[in-house]
Amino acid sequence: VATDSVQGRFTISLNRRTLHLQMNDLKPEDTATYFCA
């Protein structure tokens, strides 16, 4: 019912009880610790 992605290269989805983040065309500035919340 609502989605938002800061980076257009990233796509978020929630399938059943598993959250996914598809990251394409990754760049060095994407380096970080990624948290699910």
PDB file of all heavy atoms in Angstrom:
ATOM      1  N   VAL A   1       0.817  -1.207   0.000  1.00  0.00           N
ATOM      2  CA  VAL A   1       0.000   0.000   0.000  1.00  0.00           C
ATOM      3  C   VAL A   1       0.850   1.255   0.000  1.00  0.00           C
ATOM      4  O   VAL A   1       0.347   2.345  -0.260  1.00  0.00           O
ATOM      5  CB  VAL A   1      -0.972   0.022   1.199  1.00  0.00           C
ATOM      6  CG1 VAL A   1      -1.984  -1.109   1.083  1.00  0.00           C
ATOM      7  CG2 VAL A   1      -0.218  -0.087   2.519  1.00  0.00           C
ATOM      8  N   ALA A   2       2.125   1.118   0.286  1.00  0.00           N
ATOM      9  CA  ALA A   2       3.020   2.264   0.279  1.00  0.00           C
ATOM     10  C   ALA A   2       4.451   1.780   0.156  1.00  0.00           C
ATOM     11  O   ALA A   2       4.846   0.814   0.814  1.00  0.00           O
ATOM     12  CB  ALA A   2       2.860   3.102   1.541  1.00  0.00           C
ATOM     13  N   THR A   3       5.212   2.439  -0.693  1.00  0.00           N
ATOM     14  CA  THR A   3       6.628   2.131  -0.836  1.00  0.00           C
ATOM     15  C   THR A   3       7.390   3.410  -1.098  1.00  0.00           C
ATOM     16  O   THR A   3       6.849   4.379  -1.632  1.00  0.00           O
ATOM     17  CB  THR A   3       6.907   1.144  -1.991  1.00  0.00           C
ATOM     18  OG1 THR A   3       6.467   1.717  -3.228  1.00  0.00           O
ATOM     19  CG2 THR A   3       6.210  -0.180  -1.762  1.00  0.00           C
ATOM     20  N   ASP A   4       8.640   3.398  -0.721  1.00  0.00           N
ATOM     21  CA  ASP A   4       9.504   4.539  -0.985  1.00  0.00           C
ATOM     22  C   ASP A   4      10.928   4.043  -1.042  1.00  0.00           C
ATOM     23  O   ASP A   4      11.364   3.287  -0.172  1.00  0.00           O
ATOM     24  CB  ASP A   4       9.364   5.612   0.094  1.00  0.00           C
ATOM     25  CG  ASP A   4      10.266   6.800  -0.172  1.00  0.00           C
ATOM     26  OD1 ASP A   4      10.108   7.444  -1.227  1.00  0.00           O
ATOM     27  OD2 ASP A   4      11.137   7.097   0.674  1.00  0.00           O
ATOM     28  N   SER A   5      11.640   4.461  -2.050  1.00  0.00           N
ATOM     29  CA  SER A   5      13.036   4.095  -2.208  1.00  0.00           C
ATOM     30  C   SER A   5      13.833   5.345  -2.511  1.00  0.00           C
ATOM     31  O   SER A   5      13.549   6.047  -3.483  1.00  0.00           O
ATOM     32  CB  SER A   5      13.211   3.066  -3.329  1.00  0.00           C
ATOM     33  OG  SER A   5      14.567   2.730  -3.497  1.00  0.00           O
ATOM     34  N   VAL A   6      14.808   5.621  -1.670  1.00  0.00           N
ATOM     35  CA  VAL A   6      15.639   6.809  -1.861  1.00  0.00           C
ATOM     36  C   VAL A   6      16.465   6.677  -3.134  1.00  0.00           C
ATOM     37  O   VAL A   6      16.622   7.639  -3.883  1.00  0.00           O
ATOM     38  CB  VAL A   6      16.549   7.038  -0.643  1.00  0.00           C
ATOM     39  CG1 VAL A   6      17.497   8.204  -0.898  1.00  0.00           C
ATOM     40  CG2 VAL A   6      15.713   7.297   0.604  1.00  0.00           C
ATOM     41  N   GLN A   7      16.971   5.491  -3.355  1.00  0.00           N
ATOM     42  CA  GLN A   7      17.761   5.220  -4.545  1.00  0.00           C
ATOM     43  C   GLN A   7      16.918   4.495  -5.577  1.00  0.00           C
ATOM     44  O   GLN A   7      16.346   3.443  -5.287  1.00  0.00           O
ATOM     45  CB  GLN A   7      18.988   4.380  -4.197  1.00  0.00           C
ATOM     46  CG  GLN A   7      19.983   5.062  -3.283  1.00  0.00           C
ATOM     47  CD  GLN A   7      20.727   6.181  -3.978  1.00  0.00           C
ATOM     48  OE1 GLN A   7      20.789   6.243  -5.209  1.00  0.00           O
ATOM     49  NE2 GLN A   7      21.303   7.084  -3.200  1.00  0.00           N
ATOM     50  N   GLY A   8      16.834   5.052  -6.764  1.00  0.00           N
ATOM     51  CA  GLY A   8      16.066   4.422  -7.815  1.00  0.00           C
ATOM     52  C   GLY A   8      16.635   3.083  -8.236  1.00  0.00           C
ATOM     53  O   GLY A   8      15.921   2.267  -8.835  1.00  0.00           O
ATOM     54  N   ARG A   9      17.904   2.839  -7.930  1.00  0.00           N
ATOM     55  CA  ARG A   9      18.531   1.574  -8.265  1.00  0.00           C
ATOM     56  C   ARG A   9      18.123   0.462  -7.311  1.00  0.00           C
ATOM     57  O   ARG A   9      18.424  -0.707  -7.563  1.00  0.00           O
ATOM     58  CB  ARG A   9      20.049   1.725  -8.236  1.00  0.00           C
ATOM     59  CG  ARG A   9      20.589   2.713  -9.249  1.00  0.00           C
ATOM     60  CD  ARG A   9      22.084   2.982  -9.022  1.00  0.00           C
ATOM     61  NE  ARG A   9      22.314   3.760  -7.808  1.00  0.00           N
ATOM     62  CZ  ARG A   9      22.911   3.303  -6.720  1.00  0.00           C
ATOM     63  NH1 ARG A   9      23.364   2.047  -6.679  1.00  0.00           N
ATOM     64  NH2 ARG A   9      23.081   4.086  -5.666  1.00  0.00           N
ATOM     65  N   PHE A  10      17.455   0.812  -6.230  1.00  0.00           N
ATOM     66  CA  PHE A  10      17.063  -0.162  -5.212  1.00  0.00           C
ATOM     67  C   PHE A  10      15.557  -0.385  -5.243  1.00  0.00           C
ATOM     68  O   PHE A  10      14.782   0.548  -5.445  1.00  0.00           O
ATOM     69  CB  PHE A  10      17.453   0.318  -3.811  1.00  0.00           C
ATOM     70  CG  PHE A  10      18.934   0.464  -3.587  1.00  0.00           C
ATOM     71  CD1 PHE A  10      19.410   0.978  -2.392  1.00  0.00           C
ATOM     72  CD2 PHE A  10      19.854   0.091  -4.554  1.00  0.00           C
ATOM     73  CE1 PHE A  10      20.771   1.111  -2.167  1.00  0.00           C
ATOM     74  CE2 PHE A  10      21.219   0.223  -4.348  1.00  0.00           C
ATOM     75  CZ  PHE A  10      21.679   0.737  -3.150  1.00  0.00           C
ATOM     76  N   THR A  11      15.155  -1.619  -5.014  1.00  0.00           N
ATOM     77  CA  THR A  11      13.748  -1.977  -4.977  1.00  0.00           C
ATOM     78  C   THR A  11      13.454  -2.789  -3.730  1.00  0.00           C
ATOM     79  O   THR A  11      14.114  -3.794  -3.475  1.00  0.00           O
ATOM     80  CB  THR A  11      13.346  -2.784  -6.221  1.00  0.00           C
ATOM     81  OG1 THR A  11      13.626  -2.040  -7.409  1.00  0.00           O
ATOM     82  CG2 THR A  11      11.846  -3.105  -6.178  1.00  0.00           C
ATOM     83  N   ILE A  12      12.464  -2.348  -2.969  1.00  0.00           N
ATOM     84  CA  ILE A  12      12.082  -3.047  -1.761  1.00  0.00           C
ATOM     85  C   ILE A  12      10.821  -3.863  -2.014  1.00  0.00           C
ATOM     86  O   ILE A  12       9.948  -3.455  -2.777  1.00  0.00           O
ATOM     87  CB  ILE A  12      11.859  -2.068  -0.590  1.00  0.00           C
ATOM     88  CG1 ILE A  12      11.662  -2.823   0.727  1.00  0.00           C
ATOM     89  CG2 ILE A  12      10.680  -1.142  -0.883  1.00  0.00           C
ATOM     90  CD1 ILE A  12      11.635  -1.920   1.950  1.00  0.00           C
ATOM     91  N   SER A  13      10.729  -5.005  -1.385  1.00  0.00           N
ATOM     92  CA  SER A  13       9.546  -5.838  -1.503  1.00  0.00           C
ATOM     93  C   SER A  13       9.383  -6.653  -0.235  1.00  0.00           C
ATOM     94  O   SER A  13      10.353  -6.916   0.481  1.00  0.00           O
ATOM     95  CB  SER A  13       9.627  -6.761  -2.727  1.00  0.00           C
ATOM     96  OG  SER A  13      10.725  -7.655  -2.631  1.00  0.00           O
ATOM     97  N   LEU A  14       8.155  -7.024   0.049  1.00  0.00           N
ATOM     98  CA  LEU A  14       7.849  -7.837   1.216  1.00  0.00           C
ATOM     99  C   LEU A  14       7.018  -9.018   0.754  1.00  0.00           C
ATOM    100  O   LEU A  14       5.871  -8.852   0.345  1.00  0.00           O
ATOM    101  CB  LEU A  14       7.097  -7.022   2.270  1.00  0.00           C
ATOM    102  CG  LEU A  14       6.694  -7.759   3.552  1.00  0.00           C
ATOM    103  CD1 LEU A  14       7.922  -8.342   4.248  1.00  0.00           C
ATOM    104  CD2 LEU A  14       5.947  -6.821   4.488  1.00  0.00           C
ATOM    105  N   ASN A  15       7.610 -10.176   0.785  1.00  0.00           N
ATOM    106  CA  ASN A  15       6.951 -11.402   0.385  1.00  0.00           C
ATOM    107  C   ASN A  15       6.708 -12.257   1.610  1.00  0.00           C
ATOM    108  O   ASN A  15       7.650 -12.760   2.219  1.00  0.00           O
ATOM    109  CB  ASN A  15       7.800 -12.167  -0.629  1.00  0.00           C
ATOM    110  CG  ASN A  15       8.158 -11.335  -1.845  1.00  0.00           C
ATOM    111  OD1 ASN A  15       9.324 -11.213  -2.207  1.00  0.00           O
ATOM    112  ND2 ASN A  15       7.142 -10.758  -2.474  1.00  0.00           N
ATOM    113  N   ARG A  16       5.427 -12.389   1.963  1.00  0.00           N
ATOM    114  CA  ARG A  16       5.054 -13.102   3.182  1.00  0.00           C
ATOM    115  C   ARG A  16       5.753 -12.435   4.358  1.00  0.00           C
ATOM    116  O   ARG A  16       5.455 -11.296   4.694  1.00  0.00           O
ATOM    117  CB  ARG A  16       5.388 -14.589   3.055  1.00  0.00           C
ATOM    118  CG  ARG A  16       4.592 -15.285   1.961  1.00  0.00           C
ATOM    119  CD  ARG A  16       4.898 -16.775   1.900  1.00  0.00           C
ATOM    120  NE  ARG A  16       4.179 -17.417   0.795  1.00  0.00           N
ATOM    121  CZ  ARG A  16       2.950 -17.895   0.893  1.00  0.00           C
ATOM    122  NH1 ARG A  16       2.287 -17.820   2.030  1.00  0.00           N
ATOM    123  NH2 ARG A  16       2.374 -18.455  -0.163  1.00  0.00           N
ATOM    124  N   ARG A  17       6.681 -13.104   4.981  1.00  0.00           N
ATOM    125  CA  ARG A  17       7.391 -12.532   6.122  1.00  0.00           C
ATOM    126  C   ARG A  17       8.872 -12.329   5.850  1.00  0.00           C
ATOM    127  O   ARG A  17       9.682 -12.281   6.782  1.00  0.00           O
ATOM    128  CB  ARG A  17       7.180 -13.397   7.361  1.00  0.00           C
ATOM    129  CG  ARG A  17       5.762 -13.298   7.918  1.00  0.00           C
ATOM    130  CD  ARG A  17       5.588 -14.119   9.175  1.00  0.00           C
ATOM    131  NE  ARG A  17       4.298 -13.864   9.802  1.00  0.00           N
ATOM    132  CZ  ARG A  17       3.153 -14.394   9.405  1.00  0.00           C
ATOM    133  NH1 ARG A  17       3.138 -15.230   8.369  1.00  0.00           N
ATOM    134  NH2 ARG A  17       2.023 -14.105  10.033  1.00  0.00           N
ATOM    135  N   THR A  18       9.208 -12.211   4.593  1.00  0.00           N
ATOM    136  CA  THR A  18      10.585 -11.962   4.212  1.00  0.00           C
ATOM    137  C   THR A  18      10.689 -10.644   3.463  1.00  0.00           C
ATOM    138  O   THR A  18      10.047 -10.463   2.424  1.00  0.00           O
ATOM    139  CB  THR A  18      11.144 -13.097   3.342  1.00  0.00           C
ATOM    140  OG1 THR A  18      11.025 -14.341   4.037  1.00  0.00           O
ATOM    141  CG2 THR A  18      12.608 -12.849   3.031  1.00  0.00           C
ATOM    142  N   LEU A  19      11.462  -9.740   3.991  1.00  0.00           N
ATOM    143  CA  LEU A  19      11.705  -8.451   3.366  1.00  0.00           C
ATOM    144  C   LEU A  19      12.930  -8.559   2.470  1.00  0.00           C
ATOM    145  O   LEU A  19      13.936  -9.162   2.859  1.00  0.00           O
ATOM    146  CB  LEU A  19      11.935  -7.384   4.435  1.00  0.00           C
ATOM    147  CG  LEU A  19      12.134  -5.946   3.952  1.00  0.00           C
ATOM    148  CD1 LEU A  19      10.828  -5.388   3.407  1.00  0.00           C
ATOM    149  CD2 LEU A  19      12.664  -5.080   5.085  1.00  0.00           C
ATOM    150  N   HIS A  20      12.838  -7.983   1.283  1.00  0.00           N
ATOM    151  CA  HIS A  20      13.945  -8.026   0.339  1.00  0.00           C
ATOM    152  C   HIS A  20      14.347  -6.625  -0.089  1.00  0.00           C
ATOM    153  O   HIS A  20      13.543  -5.699  -0.114  1.00  0.00           O
ATOM    154  CB  HIS A  20      13.568  -8.827  -0.913  1.00  0.00           C
ATOM    155  CG  HIS A  20      13.200 -10.251  -0.648  1.00  0.00           C
ATOM    156  ND1 HIS A  20      14.144 -11.231  -0.445  1.00  0.00           N
ATOM    157  CD2 HIS A  20      11.990 -10.858  -0.555  1.00  0.00           C
ATOM    158  CE1 HIS A  20      13.535 -12.383  -0.240  1.00  0.00           C
ATOM    159  NE2 HIS A  20      12.232 -12.185  -0.306  1.00  0.00           N
ATOM    160  N   LEU A  21      15.598  -6.493  -0.441  1.00  0.00           N
ATOM    161  CA  LEU A  21      16.097  -5.271  -1.040  1.00  0.00           C
ATOM    162  C   LEU A  21      16.963  -5.666  -2.221  1.00  0.00           C
ATOM    163  O   LEU A  21      18.058  -6.208  -2.037  1.00  0.00           O
ATOM    164  CB  LEU A  21      16.910  -4.436  -0.048  1.00  0.00           C
ATOM    165  CG  LEU A  21      17.441  -3.116  -0.609  1.00  0.00           C
ATOM    166  CD1 LEU A  21      16.278  -2.158  -0.892  1.00  0.00           C
ATOM    167  CD2 LEU A  21      18.437  -2.464   0.352  1.00  0.00           C
ATOM    168  N   GLN A  22      16.461  -5.416  -3.414  1.00  0.00           N
ATOM    169  CA  GLN A  22      17.216  -5.688  -4.623  1.00  0.00           C
ATOM    170  C   GLN A  22      18.030  -4.453  -4.959  1.00  0.00           C
ATOM    171  O   GLN A  22      17.470  -3.382  -5.179  1.00  0.00           O
ATOM    172  CB  GLN A  22      16.282  -6.048  -5.781  1.00  0.00           C
ATOM    173  CG  GLN A  22      16.997  -6.340  -7.091  1.00  0.00           C
ATOM    174  CD  GLN A  22      17.871  -7.576  -7.021  1.00  0.00           C
ATOM    175  OE1 GLN A  22      17.456  -8.603  -6.513  1.00  0.00           O
ATOM    176  NE2 GLN A  22      19.099  -7.460  -7.523  1.00  0.00           N
ATOM    177  N   MET A  23      19.329  -4.596  -4.995  1.00  0.00           N
ATOM    178  CA  MET A  23      20.229  -3.488  -5.266  1.00  0.00           C
ATOM    179  C   MET A  23      20.951  -3.749  -6.574  1.00  0.00           C
ATOM    180  O   MET A  23      21.654  -4.750  -6.712  1.00  0.00           O
ATOM    181  CB  MET A  23      21.229  -3.306  -4.130  1.00  0.00           C
ATOM    182  CG  MET A  23      20.580  -3.077  -2.768  1.00  0.00           C
ATOM    183  SD  MET A  23      21.791  -2.732  -1.465  1.00  0.00           S
ATOM    184  CE  MET A  23      22.573  -4.351  -1.341  1.00  0.00           C
ATOM    185  N   ASN A  24      20.761  -2.851  -7.521  1.00  0.00           N
ATOM    186  CA  ASN A  24      21.391  -2.971  -8.826  1.00  0.00           C
ATOM    187  C   ASN A  24      22.329  -1.797  -9.074  1.00  0.00           C
ATOM    188  O   ASN A  24      22.180  -0.727  -8.482  1.00  0.00           O
ATOM    189  CB  ASN A  24      20.329  -3.030  -9.929  1.00  0.00           C
ATOM    190  CG  ASN A  24      19.429  -4.236  -9.817  1.00  0.00           C
ATOM    191  OD1 ASN A  24      19.863  -5.316  -9.441  1.00  0.00           O
ATOM    192  ND2 ASN A  24      18.157  -4.054 -10.161  1.00  0.00           N
ATOM    193  N   ASP A  25      23.275  -2.013  -9.966  1.00  0.00           N
ATOM    194  CA  ASP A  25      24.244  -0.977 -10.322  1.00  0.00           C
ATOM    195  C   ASP A  25      24.850  -0.346  -9.071  1.00  0.00           C
ATOM    196  O   ASP A  25      24.839   0.871  -8.898  1.00  0.00           O
ATOM    197  CB  ASP A  25      23.575   0.092 -11.191  1.00  0.00           C
ATOM    198  CG  ASP A  25      24.584   1.048 -11.823  1.00  0.00           C
ATOM    199  OD1 ASP A  25      25.752   0.659 -11.980  1.00  0.00           O
ATOM    200  OD2 ASP A  25      24.188   2.183 -12.164  1.00  0.00           O
ATOM    201  N   LEU A  26      25.381  -1.177  -8.221  1.00  0.00           N
ATOM    202  CA  LEU A  26      25.936  -0.709  -6.958  1.00  0.00           C
ATOM    203  C   LEU A  26      27.141   0.197  -7.165  1.00  0.00           C
ATOM    204  O   LEU A  26      27.929   0.010  -8.101  1.00  0.00           O
ATOM    205  CB  LEU A  26      26.326  -1.895  -6.088  1.00  0.00           C
ATOM    206  CG  LEU A  26      25.137  -2.615  -5.433  1.00  0.00           C
ATOM    207  CD1 LEU A  26      25.539  -3.999  -4.961  1.00  0.00           C
ATOM    208  CD2 LEU A  26      24.606  -1.779  -4.273  1.00  0.00           C
ATOM    209  N   LYS A  27      27.264   1.170  -6.287  1.00  0.00           N
ATOM    210  CA  LYS A  27      28.337   2.139  -6.347  1.00  0.00           C
ATOM    211  C   LYS A  27      29.091   2.143  -5.022  1.00  0.00           C
ATOM    212  O   LYS A  27      28.541   1.764  -3.992  1.00  0.00           O
ATOM    213  CB  LYS A  27      27.778   3.527  -6.648  1.00  0.00           C
ATOM    214  CG  LYS A  27      26.953   3.592  -7.925  1.00  0.00           C
ATOM    215  CD  LYS A  27      26.414   4.981  -8.169  1.00  0.00           C
ATOM    216  CE  LYS A  27      25.537   5.014  -9.418  1.00  0.00           C
ATOM    217  NZ  LYS A  27      26.262   4.584 -10.630  1.00  0.00           N
ATOM    218  N   PRO A  28      30.353   2.575  -5.032  1.00  0.00           N
ATOM    219  CA  PRO A  28      31.138   2.593  -3.793  1.00  0.00           C
ATOM    220  C   PRO A  28      30.445   3.337  -2.654  1.00  0.00           C
ATOM    221  O   PRO A  28      30.580   2.944  -1.488  1.00  0.00           O
ATOM    222  CB  PRO A  28      32.435   3.282  -4.208  1.00  0.00           C
ATOM    223  CG  PRO A  28      32.593   2.924  -5.646  1.00  0.00           C
ATOM    224  CD  PRO A  28      31.181   2.962  -6.192  1.00  0.00           C
ATOM    225  N   GLU A  29      29.698   4.381  -2.966  1.00  0.00           N
ATOM    226  CA  GLU A  29      29.010   5.139  -1.930  1.00  0.00           C
ATOM    227  C   GLU A  29      27.857   4.377  -1.284  1.00  0.00           C
ATOM    228  O   GLU A  29      27.272   4.848  -0.313  1.00  0.00           O
ATOM    229  CB  GLU A  29      28.500   6.485  -2.481  1.00  0.00           C
ATOM    230  CG  GLU A  29      27.713   6.351  -3.771  1.00  0.00           C
ATOM    231  CD  GLU A  29      28.571   6.621  -4.997  1.00  0.00           C
ATOM    232  OE1 GLU A  29      29.729   6.155  -5.028  1.00  0.00           O
ATOM    233  OE2 GLU A  29      28.087   7.301  -5.920  1.00  0.00           O
ATOM    234  N   ASP A  30      27.538   3.208  -1.829  1.00  0.00           N
ATOM    235  CA  ASP A  30      26.517   2.362  -1.219  1.00  0.00           C
ATOM    236  C   ASP A  30      27.088   1.525  -0.083  1.00  0.00           C
ATOM    237  O   ASP A  30      26.341   0.841   0.619  1.00  0.00           O
ATOM    238  CB  ASP A  30      25.889   1.429  -2.265  1.00  0.00           C
ATOM    239  CG  ASP A  30      25.109   2.186  -3.323  1.00  0.00           C
ATOM    240  OD1 ASP A  30      24.421   3.163  -2.979  1.00  0.00           O
ATOM    241  OD2 ASP A  30      25.191   1.796  -4.510  1.00  0.00           O
ATOM    242  N   THR A  31      28.391   1.556   0.084  1.00  0.00           N
ATOM    243  CA  THR A  31      29.036   0.797   1.146  1.00  0.00           C
ATOM    244  C   THR A  31      28.533   1.258   2.510  1.00  0.00           C
ATOM    245  O   THR A  31      28.618   2.435   2.851  1.00  0.00           O
ATOM    246  CB  THR A  31      30.555   0.950   1.076  1.00  0.00           C
ATOM    247  OG1 THR A  31      31.041   0.381  -0.143  1.00  0.00           O
ATOM    248  CG2 THR A  31      31.224   0.234   2.244  1.00  0.00           C
ATOM    249  N   ALA A  32      28.001   0.328   3.288  1.00  0.00           N
ATOM    250  CA  ALA A  32      27.440   0.647   4.597  1.00  0.00           C
ATOM    251  C   ALA A  32      26.944  -0.628   5.251  1.00  0.00           C
ATOM    252  O   ALA A  32      26.935  -1.700   4.642  1.00  0.00           O
ATOM    253  CB  ALA A  32      26.284   1.646   4.457  1.00  0.00           C
ATOM    254  N   THR A  33      26.537  -0.492   6.501  1.00  0.00           N
ATOM    255  CA  THR A  33      25.856  -1.578   7.176  1.00  0.00           C
ATOM    256  C   THR A  33      24.368  -1.380   6.951  1.00  0.00           C
ATOM    257  O   THR A  33      23.831  -0.308   7.239  1.00  0.00           O
ATOM    258  CB  THR A  33      26.158  -1.597   8.682  1.00  0.00           C
ATOM    259  OG1 THR A  33      27.562  -1.761   8.882  1.00  0.00           O
ATOM    260  CG2 THR A  33      25.426  -2.748   9.362  1.00  0.00           C
ATOM    261  N   TYR A  34      23.713  -2.382   6.432  1.00  0.00           N
ATOM    262  CA  TYR A  34      22.297  -2.288   6.112  1.00  0.00           C
ATOM    263  C   TYR A  34      21.477  -3.002   7.174  1.00  0.00           C
ATOM    264  O   TYR A  34      21.749  -4.153   7.523  1.00  0.00           O
ATOM    265  CB  TYR A  34      22.022  -2.895   4.733  1.00  0.00           C
ATOM    266  CG  TYR A  34      22.484  -2.010   3.595  1.00  0.00           C
ATOM    267  CD1 TYR A  34      23.833  -1.826   3.332  1.00  0.00           C
ATOM    268  CD2 TYR A  34      21.561  -1.341   2.794  1.00  0.00           C
ATOM    269  CE1 TYR A  34      24.255  -0.998   2.311  1.00  0.00           C
ATOM    270  CE2 TYR A  34      21.973  -0.516   1.765  1.00  0.00           C
ATOM    271  CZ  TYR A  34      23.323  -0.346   1.524  1.00  0.00           C
ATOM    272  OH  TYR A  34      23.744   0.472   0.501  1.00  0.00           O
ATOM    273  N   PHE A  35      20.475  -2.297   7.673  1.00  0.00           N
ATOM    274  CA  PHE A  35      19.626  -2.816   8.732  1.00  0.00           C
ATOM    275  C   PHE A  35      18.198  -3.015   8.254  1.00  0.00           C
ATOM    276  O   PHE A  35      17.643  -2.180   7.541  1.00  0.00           O
ATOM    277  CB  PHE A  35      19.603  -1.859   9.930  1.00  0.00           C
ATOM    278  CG  PHE A  35      20.922  -1.701  10.618  1.00  0.00           C
ATOM    279  CD1 PHE A  35      21.818  -0.725  10.211  1.00  0.00           C
ATOM    280  CD2 PHE A  35      21.259  -2.519  11.683  1.00  0.00           C
ATOM    281  CE1 PHE A  35      23.036  -0.569  10.847  1.00  0.00           C
ATOM    282  CE2 PHE A  35      22.477  -2.371  12.331  1.00  0.00           C
ATOM    283  CZ  PHE A  35      23.368  -1.396  11.918  1.00  0.00           C
ATOM    284  N   CYS A  36      17.615  -4.105   8.662  1.00  0.00           N
ATOM    285  CA  CYS A  36      16.201  -4.368   8.475  1.00  0.00           C
ATOM    286  C   CYS A  36      15.475  -3.888   9.726  1.00  0.00           C
ATOM    287  O   CYS A  36      15.952  -4.096  10.845  1.00  0.00           O
ATOM    288  CB  CYS A  36      15.984  -5.866   8.261  1.00  0.00           C
ATOM    289  SG  CYS A  36      14.269  -6.415   8.305  1.00  0.00           S
ATOM    290  N   ALA A  37      14.334  -3.239   9.553  1.00  0.00           N
ATOM    291  CA  ALA A  37      13.594  -2.715  10.688  1.00  0.00           C
ATOM    292  C   ALA A  37      12.091  -2.852  10.470  1.00  0.00           C
ATOM    293  O   ALA A  37      11.623  -2.954   9.340  1.00  0.00           O
ATOM    294  CB  ALA A  37      13.957  -1.247  10.931  1.00  0.00           C
TER     295      ALA A  37
END
